[in-house]
């Protein structure tokens, strides 16, 4: 939900497209992982170690969000960009 709120803030504030793309990509990947677990597809695809993939996704997402939010707060072209970064 926070990713969706950040996307809305960045789109409304006419922020740089990279902010929208990074937040949208990470939100989409998180939704895909959620669907995999909700539909029990992780039990069908045993060749893939899902807990490790989920942990790696969480770490990479946290790093992307941290870097993106720092850039958004440093540039703060307007209040929407600052709000999306926070």
N, C-alpha and C. Protein backbone atom coordinates (compact mmCIF):
# COMPACT_ATOMS: atom_id res chain seq x y z
N UNK A 1 0.82 -1.20 0.00
CA UNK A 1 0.00 0.00 0.00
C UNK A 1 0.86 1.26 0.00
N UNK A 2 2.00 1.19 0.69
CA UNK A 2 2.89 2.35 0.71
C UNK A 2 3.50 2.59 -0.67
N UNK A 3 3.79 1.51 -1.38
CA UNK A 3 4.30 1.67 -2.74
C UNK A 3 3.28 2.33 -3.65
N UNK A 4 2.04 1.93 -3.51
CA UNK A 4 0.97 2.54 -4.31
C UNK A 4 0.80 4.01 -3.96
N UNK A 5 0.89 4.34 -2.67
CA UNK A 5 0.80 5.74 -2.26
C UNK A 5 1.97 6.56 -2.80
N UNK A 6 3.16 5.97 -2.81
CA UNK A 6 4.33 6.68 -3.36
C UNK A 6 4.18 6.89 -4.86
N UNK A 7 3.66 5.90 -5.58
CA UNK A 7 3.43 6.05 -7.02
C UNK A 7 2.46 7.20 -7.28
N UNK A 8 1.38 7.25 -6.52
CA UNK A 8 0.40 8.32 -6.70
C UNK A 8 1.03 9.68 -6.43
N UNK A 9 1.83 9.78 -5.37
CA UNK A 9 2.48 11.06 -5.06
C UNK A 9 3.42 11.48 -6.18
N UNK A 10 4.20 10.54 -6.71
CA UNK A 10 5.15 10.88 -7.76
C UNK A 10 4.45 11.25 -9.06
N UNK A 11 3.38 10.54 -9.40
CA UNK A 11 2.67 10.83 -10.65
C UNK A 11 1.97 12.19 -10.56
N UNK A 12 1.33 12.46 -9.44
CA UNK A 12 0.61 13.73 -9.28
C UNK A 12 1.57 14.90 -9.27
N UNK A 13 2.74 14.71 -8.68
CA UNK A 13 3.68 15.83 -8.55
C UNK A 13 4.55 16.03 -9.78
N UNK A 14 4.34 15.27 -10.82
CA UNK A 14 5.15 15.37 -12.05
C UNK A 14 6.64 15.17 -11.75
N UNK A 15 6.94 14.17 -10.93
CA UNK A 15 8.33 13.86 -10.57
C UNK A 15 9.02 13.18 -11.75
N UNK A 16 10.32 13.00 -11.61
CA UNK A 16 11.10 12.33 -12.65
C UNK A 16 10.56 10.92 -12.84
N UNK A 17 10.58 10.44 -14.08
CA UNK A 17 10.00 9.14 -14.41
C UNK A 17 10.70 8.00 -13.70
N UNK A 18 11.97 8.16 -13.36
CA UNK A 18 12.71 7.09 -12.71
C UNK A 18 12.11 6.74 -11.35
N UNK A 19 11.61 7.73 -10.64
CA UNK A 19 10.98 7.47 -9.35
C UNK A 19 9.75 6.58 -9.51
N UNK A 20 8.94 6.91 -10.48
CA UNK A 20 7.72 6.14 -10.72
C UNK A 20 8.06 4.72 -11.16
N UNK A 21 9.07 4.58 -12.00
CA UNK A 21 9.44 3.26 -12.52
C UNK A 21 9.98 2.38 -11.40
N UNK A 22 10.85 2.91 -10.55
CA UNK A 22 11.43 2.10 -9.47
C UNK A 22 10.35 1.66 -8.49
N UNK A 23 9.51 2.57 -8.08
CA UNK A 23 8.46 2.22 -7.12
C UNK A 23 7.45 1.27 -7.77
N UNK A 24 7.10 1.52 -9.01
CA UNK A 24 6.16 0.64 -9.71
C UNK A 24 6.70 -0.76 -9.90
N UNK A 25 7.98 -0.86 -10.26
CA UNK A 25 8.59 -2.17 -10.46
C UNK A 25 8.63 -2.96 -9.15
N UNK A 26 9.05 -2.33 -8.09
CA UNK A 26 9.14 -3.04 -6.81
C UNK A 26 7.76 -3.40 -6.27
N UNK A 27 6.79 -2.53 -6.46
CA UNK A 27 5.43 -2.84 -6.02
C UNK A 27 4.87 -4.00 -6.84
N UNK A 28 5.13 -4.01 -8.13
CA UNK A 28 4.67 -5.11 -8.98
C UNK A 28 5.30 -6.44 -8.60
N UNK A 29 6.59 -6.44 -8.32
CA UNK A 29 7.26 -7.68 -7.92
C UNK A 29 6.71 -8.18 -6.59
N UNK A 30 6.44 -7.27 -5.67
CA UNK A 30 5.88 -7.67 -4.38
C UNK A 30 4.48 -8.25 -4.55
N UNK A 31 3.69 -7.66 -5.43
CA UNK A 31 2.35 -8.20 -5.70
C UNK A 31 2.45 -9.59 -6.33
N UNK A 32 3.42 -9.80 -7.21
CA UNK A 32 3.60 -11.13 -7.81
C UNK A 32 3.97 -12.17 -6.76
N UNK A 33 4.86 -11.82 -5.84
CA UNK A 33 5.18 -12.75 -4.76
C UNK A 33 3.96 -13.04 -3.90
N UNK A 34 3.16 -12.02 -3.62
CA UNK A 34 1.94 -12.22 -2.85
C UNK A 34 0.99 -13.17 -3.56
N UNK A 35 0.84 -13.01 -4.87
CA UNK A 35 -0.03 -13.91 -5.63
C UNK A 35 0.50 -15.34 -5.65
N UNK A 36 1.81 -15.50 -5.74
CA UNK A 36 2.40 -16.84 -5.71
C UNK A 36 2.04 -17.54 -4.41
N UNK A 37 2.15 -16.83 -3.29
CA UNK A 37 1.84 -17.44 -2.00
C UNK A 37 0.33 -17.64 -1.81
N UNK A 38 -0.48 -16.69 -2.27
CA UNK A 38 -1.93 -16.83 -2.11
C UNK A 38 -2.50 -17.97 -2.95
N UNK A 39 -1.97 -18.16 -4.15
CA UNK A 39 -2.46 -19.21 -5.03
C UNK A 39 -1.76 -20.55 -4.81
N UNK A 40 -0.89 -20.60 -3.80
CA UNK A 40 -0.14 -21.82 -3.43
C UNK A 40 0.71 -22.35 -4.59
N UNK A 41 1.20 -21.45 -5.42
CA UNK A 41 2.06 -21.87 -6.53
C UNK A 41 3.45 -22.25 -6.05
N UNK A 42 3.82 -21.79 -4.87
CA UNK A 42 5.13 -22.15 -4.34
C UNK A 42 5.22 -23.65 -4.04
N UNK A 43 4.09 -24.28 -3.71
CA UNK A 43 4.09 -25.72 -3.46
C UNK A 43 4.20 -26.51 -4.76
N UNK A 44 3.71 -25.96 -5.85
CA UNK A 44 3.79 -26.65 -7.15
C UNK A 44 5.17 -26.53 -7.79
N UNK A 45 5.81 -25.40 -7.59
CA UNK A 45 7.12 -25.18 -8.19
C UNK A 45 8.20 -25.44 -7.15
N UNK A 46 8.54 -26.68 -6.96
CA UNK A 46 9.50 -27.06 -5.93
C UNK A 46 10.95 -26.84 -6.37
N UNK A 47 11.19 -26.60 -7.64
CA UNK A 47 12.56 -26.40 -8.12
C UNK A 47 13.13 -25.05 -7.70
N UNK A 48 12.28 -24.18 -7.17
CA UNK A 48 12.67 -22.83 -6.79
C UNK A 48 12.54 -22.69 -5.28
N UNK A 49 13.56 -22.21 -4.60
CA UNK A 49 13.52 -22.06 -3.14
C UNK A 49 12.91 -20.69 -2.82
N UNK A 50 11.60 -20.68 -2.57
CA UNK A 50 10.83 -19.45 -2.45
C UNK A 50 11.21 -18.58 -1.26
N UNK A 51 11.50 -19.16 -0.09
CA UNK A 51 11.87 -18.27 1.03
C UNK A 51 13.13 -17.46 0.74
N UNK A 52 14.12 -18.07 0.11
CA UNK A 52 15.33 -17.32 -0.23
C UNK A 52 15.04 -16.24 -1.26
N UNK A 53 14.21 -16.55 -2.25
CA UNK A 53 13.84 -15.56 -3.26
C UNK A 53 13.08 -14.39 -2.62
N UNK A 54 12.24 -14.70 -1.65
CA UNK A 54 11.48 -13.66 -0.97
C UNK A 54 12.40 -12.77 -0.13
N UNK A 55 13.36 -13.37 0.55
CA UNK A 55 14.31 -12.59 1.34
C UNK A 55 15.17 -11.71 0.44
N UNK A 56 15.67 -12.26 -0.66
CA UNK A 56 16.47 -11.46 -1.60
C UNK A 56 15.65 -10.32 -2.18
N UNK A 57 14.40 -10.59 -2.51
CA UNK A 57 13.53 -9.53 -3.04
C UNK A 57 13.32 -8.44 -2.00
N UNK A 58 13.15 -8.82 -0.75
CA UNK A 58 12.94 -7.83 0.31
C UNK A 58 14.18 -6.96 0.50
N UNK A 59 15.36 -7.57 0.48
CA UNK A 59 16.59 -6.81 0.67
C UNK A 59 16.83 -5.87 -0.50
N UNK A 60 16.66 -6.37 -1.71
CA UNK A 60 16.87 -5.53 -2.90
C UNK A 60 15.83 -4.41 -2.96
N UNK A 61 14.59 -4.72 -2.62
CA UNK A 61 13.54 -3.69 -2.60
C UNK A 61 13.85 -2.61 -1.58
N UNK A 62 14.31 -3.02 -0.41
CA UNK A 62 14.64 -2.04 0.62
C UNK A 62 15.76 -1.13 0.16
N UNK A 63 16.77 -1.68 -0.49
CA UNK A 63 17.87 -0.86 -1.00
C UNK A 63 17.39 0.11 -2.09
N UNK A 64 16.58 -0.40 -3.03
CA UNK A 64 16.05 0.47 -4.08
C UNK A 64 15.21 1.60 -3.49
N UNK A 65 14.33 1.26 -2.54
CA UNK A 65 13.49 2.29 -1.92
C UNK A 65 14.32 3.29 -1.14
N UNK A 66 15.35 2.82 -0.47
CA UNK A 66 16.21 3.72 0.30
C UNK A 66 16.92 4.71 -0.61
N UNK A 67 17.54 4.22 -1.66
CA UNK A 67 18.26 5.09 -2.60
C UNK A 67 17.29 6.04 -3.29
N UNK A 68 16.15 5.52 -3.75
CA UNK A 68 15.19 6.36 -4.45
C UNK A 68 14.61 7.44 -3.54
N UNK A 69 14.33 7.07 -2.29
CA UNK A 69 13.77 8.07 -1.40
C UNK A 69 14.81 9.13 -1.03
N UNK A 70 16.06 8.74 -0.89
CA UNK A 70 17.10 9.73 -0.63
C UNK A 70 17.24 10.71 -1.78
N UNK A 71 17.24 10.19 -3.01
CA UNK A 71 17.31 11.08 -4.17
C UNK A 71 16.09 11.99 -4.25
N UNK A 72 14.92 11.45 -3.96
CA UNK A 72 13.70 12.26 -4.02
C UNK A 72 13.71 13.35 -2.96
N UNK A 73 14.22 13.02 -1.77
CA UNK A 73 14.24 14.03 -0.71
C UNK A 73 15.34 15.07 -0.94
N UNK A 74 16.44 14.68 -1.58
CA UNK A 74 17.50 15.64 -1.86
C UNK A 74 17.08 16.61 -2.95
N UNK A 75 16.47 16.09 -4.03
CA UNK A 75 16.08 16.98 -5.13
C UNK A 75 14.85 17.79 -4.80
N UNK A 76 13.87 17.19 -4.12
CA UNK A 76 12.59 17.79 -3.72
C UNK A 76 12.17 18.98 -4.60
N UNK A 77 11.86 18.65 -5.85
CA UNK A 77 11.44 19.68 -6.79
C UNK A 77 10.12 20.31 -6.37
N UNK A 78 9.28 19.55 -5.69
CA UNK A 78 8.02 20.08 -5.16
C UNK A 78 7.59 19.23 -3.97
N UNK A 79 6.49 19.57 -3.36
CA UNK A 79 6.05 18.87 -2.14
C UNK A 79 5.61 17.44 -2.42
N UNK A 80 5.11 17.16 -3.61
CA UNK A 80 4.70 15.80 -3.96
C UNK A 80 5.89 14.86 -4.05
N UNK A 81 6.99 15.35 -4.61
CA UNK A 81 8.20 14.54 -4.68
C UNK A 81 8.75 14.28 -3.29
N UNK A 82 8.73 15.27 -2.45
CA UNK A 82 9.19 15.10 -1.07
C UNK A 82 8.29 14.12 -0.32
N UNK A 83 6.99 14.22 -0.51
CA UNK A 83 6.05 13.31 0.15
C UNK A 83 6.25 11.89 -0.35
N UNK A 84 6.42 11.70 -1.64
CA UNK A 84 6.66 10.37 -2.19
C UNK A 84 7.96 9.77 -1.69
N UNK A 85 8.98 10.61 -1.52
CA UNK A 85 10.25 10.12 -1.01
C UNK A 85 10.18 9.70 0.44
N UNK A 86 9.40 10.42 1.20
CA UNK A 86 9.26 10.08 2.62
C UNK A 86 8.44 8.81 2.75
